[in-house]
């Protein structure tokens, strides 16, 4: 009986404590207790009222209770708290609370606020100089007037970023080579002199004299060669490599020699496709994908509005006149004739593919154009090499 009474008392105490806690939480949810400096303190409404006279505390009731639709109140750690905009403004700035408007949401009757996207500063460009090499030790500058890298008649840096880097390198190495010859000659003269002065044997003295003669002769030979070339023409001492010029030459008639391994007119290698809107075009099956990509580029540029295509001829089993064993690229399905009437075969170029430059669609895909042949012109003709 006493045990049951004890349990009942414990249950009553827990219920009372829970009720007080619930009332406190409810009271807290309805407002906040503030000091005379508007600092929030952890007292409920009843406790705040008891401290009002002596500590000048006062109770502030939330007007809306929680955040409203126009934004959210955030702490200094960006944690949301259940204060509306008015309540968030009551809490002093020392607590770091701030009101953040919700994007594109405005109070009723107002236009939604416009948000400006944050501006990002692009990363600074890398200004590190990677084309100038600073020499560990300065070198003499024999021609300071024509060398922009010379300072006080000394070469202290070497610029490798110009257009003719190899020429500059070879010219510098020529200067260094002459300097090395002079240094080695002086070393050999000193060694020969020491051997001549410190030896009493006639043979050793003769060896010393020979070292000195050879060193002087080698130095005179290097300096003499430089002096002679510089006297004839100073440009002979400068290595100026011309720019590499790529010359494209297309021979007339892309004729193919037929062999047992590479026979012409193999019907099994041909397929019939629709190309540039023209059906019944027969070509080698190995070039279908390339031709389709060229057709796609033609359509992208406007199709017939870009360049009007009236006729397309592909595979034709024909040999080359007066050249036995040779066959046209048409016999392998590797050639097309486009608009024969307006792009005739002849000694001079006649074509309607200007100014559209239709032929560039084939050139960019690796095909040849008869309009670029040297001895004859065949602007209608496009062909692929026999691979």
Protein backbone atom coordinates (compact mmCIF):
# COMPACT_ATOMS: atom_id res chain seq x y z
CA UNK A 1 0.00 0.00 0.00
CA UNK A 2 2.83 2.39 0.92
CA UNK A 3 4.65 1.41 -2.28
CA UNK A 4 1.57 2.33 -4.39
CA UNK A 5 1.24 5.65 -2.58
CA UNK A 6 4.91 6.38 -3.28
CA UNK A 7 4.44 5.71 -7.00
CA UNK A 8 1.37 7.96 -7.08
CA UNK A 9 3.30 10.83 -5.49
CA UNK A 10 6.09 10.47 -8.03
CA UNK A 11 3.54 10.49 -10.86
CA UNK A 12 1.89 13.67 -9.49
CA UNK A 13 5.26 15.44 -9.24
CA UNK A 14 6.15 14.53 -12.82
CA UNK A 15 2.80 15.76 -14.11
CA UNK A 16 3.20 19.08 -12.29
CA UNK A 17 6.73 19.56 -13.59
CA UNK A 18 5.68 18.74 -17.13
CA UNK A 19 2.77 21.21 -16.88
CA UNK A 20 5.09 23.97 -15.66
CA UNK A 21 7.53 23.23 -18.45
CA UNK A 22 4.71 23.27 -21.01
CA UNK A 23 3.36 26.56 -19.67
CA UNK A 24 6.84 28.07 -19.74
CA UNK A 25 7.41 26.94 -23.30
CA UNK A 26 4.00 28.26 -24.33
CA UNK A 27 4.69 31.55 -22.68
CA UNK A 28 8.06 31.73 -24.28
CA UNK A 29 6.56 31.01 -27.68
CA UNK A 30 4.22 33.99 -27.33
CA UNK A 31 6.95 36.55 -26.68
CA UNK A 32 10.33 37.34 -25.16
CA UNK A 33 11.57 38.99 -21.98
CA UNK A 34 13.78 41.97 -22.70
CA UNK A 35 16.05 44.06 -20.47
CA UNK A 36 16.04 47.85 -20.47
CA UNK A 37 18.63 47.63 -23.27
CA UNK A 38 16.39 45.28 -25.30
CA UNK A 39 18.60 42.28 -24.51
CA UNK A 40 16.63 38.97 -24.47
CA UNK A 41 16.80 37.03 -21.18
CA UNK A 42 15.52 33.44 -20.50
CA UNK A 43 12.45 34.29 -18.39
CA UNK A 44 8.85 33.50 -19.12
CA UNK A 45 6.14 36.13 -19.01
CA UNK A 46 5.33 35.64 -15.32
CA UNK A 47 8.96 35.78 -14.19
CA UNK A 48 9.60 38.77 -16.43
CA UNK A 49 6.73 40.62 -14.77
CA UNK A 50 8.17 40.01 -11.30
CA UNK A 51 11.48 41.56 -12.38
CA UNK A 52 9.91 44.50 -14.17
CA UNK A 53 10.05 46.93 -11.23
CA UNK A 54 13.52 46.24 -9.88
CA UNK A 55 15.40 45.35 -13.08
CA UNK A 56 13.23 47.30 -15.57
CA UNK A 57 12.54 44.12 -17.56
CA UNK A 58 9.58 44.14 -19.90
CA UNK A 59 7.70 41.53 -21.88
CA UNK A 60 7.51 41.82 -25.69
CA UNK A 61 4.76 39.80 -27.41
CA UNK A 62 5.34 38.53 -30.92
CA UNK A 63 2.94 40.11 -33.35
CA UNK A 64 2.80 37.16 -35.75
CA UNK A 65 4.55 34.45 -33.75
CA UNK A 66 6.80 33.06 -36.51
CA UNK A 67 8.52 34.14 -39.70
CA UNK A 68 6.29 35.52 -42.45
CA UNK A 69 6.28 34.84 -46.18
CA UNK A 70 8.57 37.76 -47.06
CA UNK A 71 11.74 36.36 -45.49
CA UNK A 72 13.40 34.67 -42.54
CA UNK A 73 15.27 35.83 -39.43
CA UNK A 74 18.79 34.37 -39.21
CA UNK A 75 21.32 34.29 -36.39
CA UNK A 76 24.98 35.18 -36.85
CA UNK A 77 25.56 31.49 -37.63
CA UNK A 78 22.88 31.57 -40.38
CA UNK A 79 20.48 29.50 -38.28
CA UNK A 80 16.76 30.38 -38.76
CA UNK A 81 14.83 31.49 -35.67
CA UNK A 82 11.00 31.80 -35.40
CA UNK A 83 10.86 35.60 -35.49
CA UNK A 84 9.02 37.68 -38.04
CA UNK A 85 10.55 40.78 -39.58
CA UNK A 86 9.35 43.08 -36.80
CA UNK A 87 10.50 40.75 -34.03
CA UNK A 88 13.86 40.25 -35.75
CA UNK A 89 14.40 44.01 -35.75
CA UNK A 90 13.67 44.28 -32.00
CA UNK A 91 16.66 42.04 -31.14
CA UNK A 92 19.71 44.32 -31.02
CA UNK A 93 22.49 44.09 -33.56
CA UNK A 94 24.93 42.82 -30.93
CA UNK A 95 23.30 39.40 -31.26
CA UNK A 96 23.99 39.35 -34.98
CA UNK A 97 20.36 38.62 -35.94
CA UNK A 98 19.34 39.86 -39.37
CA UNK A 99 16.33 39.69 -41.66
CA UNK A 100 16.87 38.07 -45.07
CA UNK A 101 14.09 38.68 -47.64
CA UNK A 102 12.90 35.68 -49.60
CA UNK A 103 13.82 36.11 -53.32
CA UNK A 104 10.99 37.17 -55.64
CA UNK A 105 8.49 37.41 -52.74
CA UNK A 106 7.03 40.77 -51.75
CA UNK A 107 4.23 41.92 -49.46
CA UNK A 108 0.81 42.09 -51.01
CA UNK A 109 0.32 45.09 -53.27
CA UNK A 110 4.07 45.52 -53.97
CA UNK A 111 6.20 44.41 -56.87
CA UNK A 112 8.54 41.52 -56.13
CA UNK A 113 12.07 42.65 -55.38
CA UNK A 114 14.66 42.20 -58.05
CA UNK A 115 17.71 40.20 -57.16
CA UNK A 116 21.07 40.95 -58.65
CA UNK A 117 23.24 37.90 -59.22
CA UNK A 118 26.54 38.05 -57.39
CA UNK A 119 29.39 39.31 -59.47
CA UNK A 120 32.37 37.04 -59.69
CA UNK A 121 35.82 38.37 -60.29
CA UNK A 122 37.67 36.26 -62.86
CA UNK A 123 40.94 34.82 -61.67
CA UNK A 124 43.93 36.96 -62.36
CA UNK A 125 45.81 36.01 -65.48
CA UNK A 126 49.09 34.27 -64.99
CA UNK A 127 51.72 36.94 -65.69
CA UNK A 128 54.71 34.73 -64.97
CA UNK A 129 57.33 35.28 -67.65
CA UNK A 130 58.12 31.86 -69.09
CA UNK A 131 59.97 33.10 -72.19
CA UNK A 132 62.95 34.83 -70.57
CA UNK A 133 65.84 32.88 -69.08
CA UNK A 134 68.11 34.69 -66.65
CA UNK A 135 71.71 33.57 -67.04
CA UNK A 136 73.51 32.38 -63.93
CA UNK A 137 76.50 34.48 -64.96
CA UNK A 138 76.53 37.33 -67.50
CA UNK A 139 78.23 36.79 -70.85
CA UNK A 140 80.03 39.40 -72.98
CA UNK A 141 77.90 41.07 -75.62
CA UNK A 142 79.93 41.53 -78.86
CA UNK A 143 77.13 43.40 -80.65
CA UNK A 144 75.16 45.34 -78.00
CA UNK A 145 73.59 47.70 -80.55
CA UNK A 146 71.74 44.88 -82.31
CA UNK A 147 70.91 42.78 -79.26
CA UNK A 148 68.06 44.15 -77.14
CA UNK A 149 68.92 41.75 -74.30
CA UNK A 150 72.34 43.36 -73.70
CA UNK A 151 72.76 45.59 -70.66
CA UNK A 152 76.04 47.44 -70.07
CA UNK A 153 77.68 45.33 -72.81
CA UNK A 154 76.69 42.15 -70.97
CA UNK A 155 74.16 39.48 -71.86
CA UNK A 156 72.28 38.87 -68.60
CA UNK A 157 69.02 37.39 -69.93
CA UNK A 158 68.12 35.26 -72.90
CA UNK A 159 64.74 35.74 -74.50
CA UNK A 160 63.42 32.47 -75.95
CA UNK A 161 59.98 33.77 -76.81
CA UNK A 162 60.61 35.31 -80.23
CA UNK A 163 59.66 33.82 -83.58
CA UNK A 164 63.15 32.55 -84.50
CA UNK A 165 64.30 30.85 -81.34
CA UNK A 166 66.65 28.35 -82.99
CA UNK A 167 68.53 31.09 -84.87
CA UNK A 168 69.07 33.08 -81.68
CA UNK A 169 70.26 29.96 -79.89
CA UNK A 170 72.80 29.09 -82.61
CA UNK A 171 74.14 32.66 -82.76
CA UNK A 172 74.58 32.69 -79.00
CA UNK A 173 76.32 29.30 -79.08
CA UNK A 174 78.73 30.64 -81.74
CA UNK A 175 79.71 33.48 -79.44
CA UNK A 176 80.09 31.10 -76.50
CA UNK A 177 82.21 28.73 -78.63
CA UNK A 178 84.70 31.47 -79.50
CA UNK A 179 84.90 32.43 -75.84
CA UNK A 180 85.54 28.80 -74.84
CA UNK A 181 88.33 28.58 -77.44
CA UNK A 182 89.99 31.66 -75.95
CA UNK A 183 89.76 30.28 -72.40
CA UNK A 184 91.17 26.88 -73.40
CA UNK A 185 94.00 28.55 -75.32
CA UNK A 186 94.97 30.59 -72.26
CA UNK A 187 94.84 27.47 -70.07
CA UNK A 188 97.06 25.52 -72.48
CA UNK A 189 99.54 28.44 -72.73
CA UNK A 190 99.78 28.58 -68.93
CA UNK A 191 100.27 24.79 -68.66
CA UNK A 192 102.88 24.84 -71.44
CA UNK A 193 104.71 27.72 -69.76
CA UNK A 194 104.74 25.94 -66.40
CA UNK A 195 106.09 22.78 -68.01
CA UNK A 196 108.76 24.76 -69.86
CA UNK A 197 109.89 26.68 -66.76
CA UNK A 198 109.87 23.87 -64.21
CA UNK A 199 111.56 21.13 -66.24
CA UNK A 200 115.27 20.80 -66.84
CA UNK A 201 114.95 18.04 -69.45
CA UNK A 202 115.20 19.25 -73.03
CA UNK A 203 112.38 16.93 -74.12
CA UNK A 204 109.93 18.32 -71.54
CA UNK A 205 110.85 21.87 -72.45
CA UNK A 206 110.14 21.08 -76.08
CA UNK A 207 106.72 19.62 -75.09
CA UNK A 208 105.91 22.82 -73.21
CA UNK A 209 106.86 24.96 -76.19
CA UNK A 210 104.72 22.75 -78.47
CA UNK A 211 101.67 23.18 -76.19
CA UNK A 212 102.09 26.92 -76.30
CA UNK A 213 102.44 26.94 -80.11
CA UNK A 214 99.37 24.73 -80.58
CA UNK A 215 97.28 26.82 -78.20
CA UNK A 216 98.20 30.06 -79.95
CA UNK A 217 97.61 28.47 -83.35
CA UNK A 218 94.16 27.20 -82.31
CA UNK A 219 93.18 30.59 -80.92
CA UNK A 220 94.38 32.39 -84.07
CA UNK A 221 92.51 29.88 -86.22
CA UNK A 222 89.19 30.49 -84.41
CA UNK A 223 89.59 34.26 -84.31
CA UNK A 224 90.90 34.35 -87.89
CA UNK A 225 87.90 32.43 -89.22
CA UNK A 226 85.53 34.79 -87.42
CA UNK A 227 87.46 37.85 -88.63
CA UNK A 228 87.51 36.70 -92.27
CA UNK A 229 83.78 35.93 -92.33
CA UNK A 230 82.97 39.21 -90.59
CA UNK A 231 85.06 41.12 -93.13
CA UNK A 232 83.39 39.46 -96.11
CA UNK A 233 79.87 39.83 -94.80
CA UNK A 234 78.82 40.14 -91.13
CA UNK A 235 75.58 38.33 -91.95
CA UNK A 236 77.60 35.15 -92.55
CA UNK A 237 78.08 34.97 -88.77
CA UNK A 238 74.36 35.15 -88.12
CA UNK A 239 72.20 32.08 -88.44
CA UNK A 240 68.83 33.19 -89.76
CA UNK A 241 66.61 30.21 -90.45
CA UNK A 242 63.74 31.11 -92.79
CA UNK A 243 60.24 30.19 -91.84
CA UNK A 244 59.08 26.82 -93.07
CA UNK A 245 56.73 27.32 -95.98
CA UNK A 246 54.24 24.56 -96.70
CA UNK A 247 53.37 24.36 -100.38
CA UNK A 248 50.38 22.27 -101.38
CA UNK A 249 50.49 20.91 -104.90
CA UNK A 250 47.66 18.91 -106.40
CA UNK A 251 48.52 17.06 -109.58
CA UNK A 252 46.02 16.90 -112.36
CA UNK A 253 43.98 13.73 -112.73
CA UNK A 254 43.76 11.64 -109.58
CA UNK A 255 44.48 8.46 -111.53
CA UNK A 256 44.87 5.14 -109.71
CA UNK A 257 46.99 2.23 -110.90
CA UNK A 258 44.91 -0.94 -110.82
CA UNK A 259 46.63 -4.02 -109.36
CA UNK A 260 45.60 -7.49 -108.26
CA UNK A 261 45.42 -6.24 -104.68
CA UNK A 262 43.67 -3.03 -105.72
CA UNK A 263 41.33 -3.80 -108.63
CA UNK A 264 38.98 -1.23 -110.14
CA UNK A 265 35.21 -1.47 -110.66
CA UNK A 266 34.45 -3.82 -107.74
CA UNK A 267 30.67 -3.75 -107.57
CA UNK A 268 30.61 -5.31 -104.08
CA UNK A 269 32.35 -2.20 -102.70
CA UNK A 270 29.61 0.16 -103.93
CA UNK A 271 26.43 1.27 -102.19
CA UNK A 272 23.59 3.50 -103.40
CA UNK A 273 22.73 6.52 -101.23
CA UNK A 274 20.79 9.78 -101.38
CA UNK A 275 23.21 12.70 -101.28
CA UNK A 276 22.49 16.45 -101.36
CA UNK A 277 18.85 15.58 -102.06
CA UNK A 278 19.73 13.51 -105.11
CA UNK A 279 18.93 9.80 -105.05
CA UNK A 280 20.70 6.94 -106.79
CA UNK A 281 24.26 8.14 -106.07
CA UNK A 282 26.64 5.17 -106.01
CA UNK A 283 29.82 5.52 -103.95
CA UNK A 284 32.34 3.36 -102.13
CA UNK A 285 30.93 2.15 -98.83
CA UNK A 286 34.06 3.34 -97.00
CA UNK A 287 33.31 7.03 -97.71
CA UNK A 288 29.58 7.09 -96.91
CA UNK A 289 30.04 8.48 -93.38
CA UNK A 290 32.35 11.25 -94.61
CA UNK A 291 29.96 12.24 -97.38
CA UNK A 292 27.05 12.31 -94.94
CA UNK A 293 28.99 14.65 -92.64
CA UNK A 294 29.70 16.94 -95.61
CA UNK A 295 25.99 16.85 -96.49
CA UNK A 296 25.11 17.78 -92.89
CA UNK A 297 27.45 20.78 -93.05
CA UNK A 298 25.84 21.80 -96.37
CA UNK A 299 22.36 21.61 -94.82
CA UNK A 300 23.51 23.58 -91.77
CA UNK A 301 24.64 26.42 -94.03
CA UNK A 302 21.26 26.49 -95.76
CA UNK A 303 21.27 23.63 -98.26
CA UNK A 304 20.29 24.74 -101.75
CA UNK A 305 19.97 28.31 -100.48
CA UNK A 306 23.68 28.13 -99.68
CA UNK A 307 24.74 26.36 -102.89
CA UNK A 308 22.27 24.95 -105.42
CA UNK A 309 23.12 21.33 -106.34
CA UNK A 310 21.49 20.09 -109.53
CA UNK A 311 23.44 16.94 -110.45
CA UNK A 312 25.67 14.47 -108.56
CA UNK A 313 27.58 11.64 -110.26
CA UNK A 314 29.55 9.08 -108.26
CA UNK A 315 30.73 5.62 -109.32
CA UNK A 316 31.52 5.19 -113.02
CA UNK A 317 33.67 2.30 -114.25
CA UNK A 318 36.04 4.14 -116.61
CA UNK A 319 39.76 3.98 -117.32
CA UNK A 320 42.15 6.80 -118.16
CA UNK A 321 42.66 7.51 -121.86
CA UNK A 322 46.21 6.90 -123.16
CA UNK A 323 47.36 5.54 -119.78
CA UNK A 324 47.00 1.76 -119.76
CA UNK A 325 46.41 0.24 -116.34
CA UNK A 326 45.29 3.52 -114.78
CA UNK A 327 41.70 4.12 -113.70
CA UNK A 328 39.78 7.18 -112.60
CA UNK A 329 38.86 7.58 -108.92
CA UNK A 330 35.26 7.22 -110.13
CA UNK A 331 36.03 3.56 -110.89
CA UNK A 332 36.71 3.04 -107.18
CA UNK A 333 33.66 5.00 -105.98
CA UNK A 334 35.97 7.59 -104.45
CA UNK A 335 34.99 10.60 -106.57
CA UNK A 336 31.99 12.85 -107.19
CA UNK A 337 31.17 15.19 -110.05
CA UNK A 338 28.82 17.98 -108.91
CA UNK A 339 27.05 20.39 -111.27
CA UNK A 340 29.02 19.42 -114.40
CA UNK A 341 27.31 22.06 -116.53
CA UNK A 342 28.48 25.03 -114.46
CA UNK A 343 31.88 23.62 -113.44
CA UNK A 344 33.43 22.40 -116.71
CA UNK A 345 36.72 20.60 -117.32
CA UNK A 346 39.33 22.85 -118.98
CA UNK A 347 42.65 24.71 -118.84
CA UNK A 348 41.21 27.63 -116.87
CA UNK A 349 39.09 27.55 -113.76
CA UNK A 350 35.38 28.09 -114.40
CA UNK A 351 33.08 27.50 -111.44
CA UNK A 352 29.86 28.66 -109.82
CA UNK A 353 31.08 27.59 -106.35
CA UNK A 354 32.14 31.14 -105.60
CA UNK A 355 31.46 33.12 -103.48
CA UNK A 356 29.81 30.40 -101.38
CA UNK A 357 33.09 28.40 -101.39
CA UNK A 358 31.14 25.17 -101.41
CA UNK A 359 34.33 23.26 -102.18
CA UNK A 360 35.69 24.08 -98.71
CA UNK A 361 33.23 21.59 -97.21
CA UNK A 362 35.10 18.81 -99.04
CA UNK A 363 38.57 20.25 -98.43
CA UNK A 364 37.99 20.45 -94.67
CA UNK A 365 36.94 16.78 -94.72
CA UNK A 366 40.18 15.69 -96.41
CA UNK A 367 38.94 15.46 -100.01
CA UNK A 368 40.70 16.94 -103.02
CA UNK A 369 39.13 19.40 -105.45
CA UNK A 370 39.82 19.47 -109.18
CA UNK A 371 39.72 23.26 -109.11
CA UNK A 372 43.13 23.18 -107.38
CA UNK A 373 44.85 21.00 -109.95
CA UNK A 374 47.91 22.62 -111.52
CA UNK A 375 48.00 21.64 -115.19
CA UNK A 376 44.25 21.32 -115.72
CA UNK A 377 41.11 22.46 -113.93
CA UNK A 378 38.11 20.26 -113.15
CA UNK A 379 35.92 22.24 -110.73
CA UNK A 380 33.10 19.67 -110.77
CA UNK A 381 35.41 16.93 -109.44
CA UNK A 382 35.93 15.94 -105.79
CA UNK A 383 37.92 12.85 -104.85
CA UNK A 384 39.30 10.95 -101.89
CA UNK A 385 42.65 9.14 -101.94
CA UNK A 386 42.53 5.39 -102.38
CA UNK A 387 43.01 4.11 -98.82
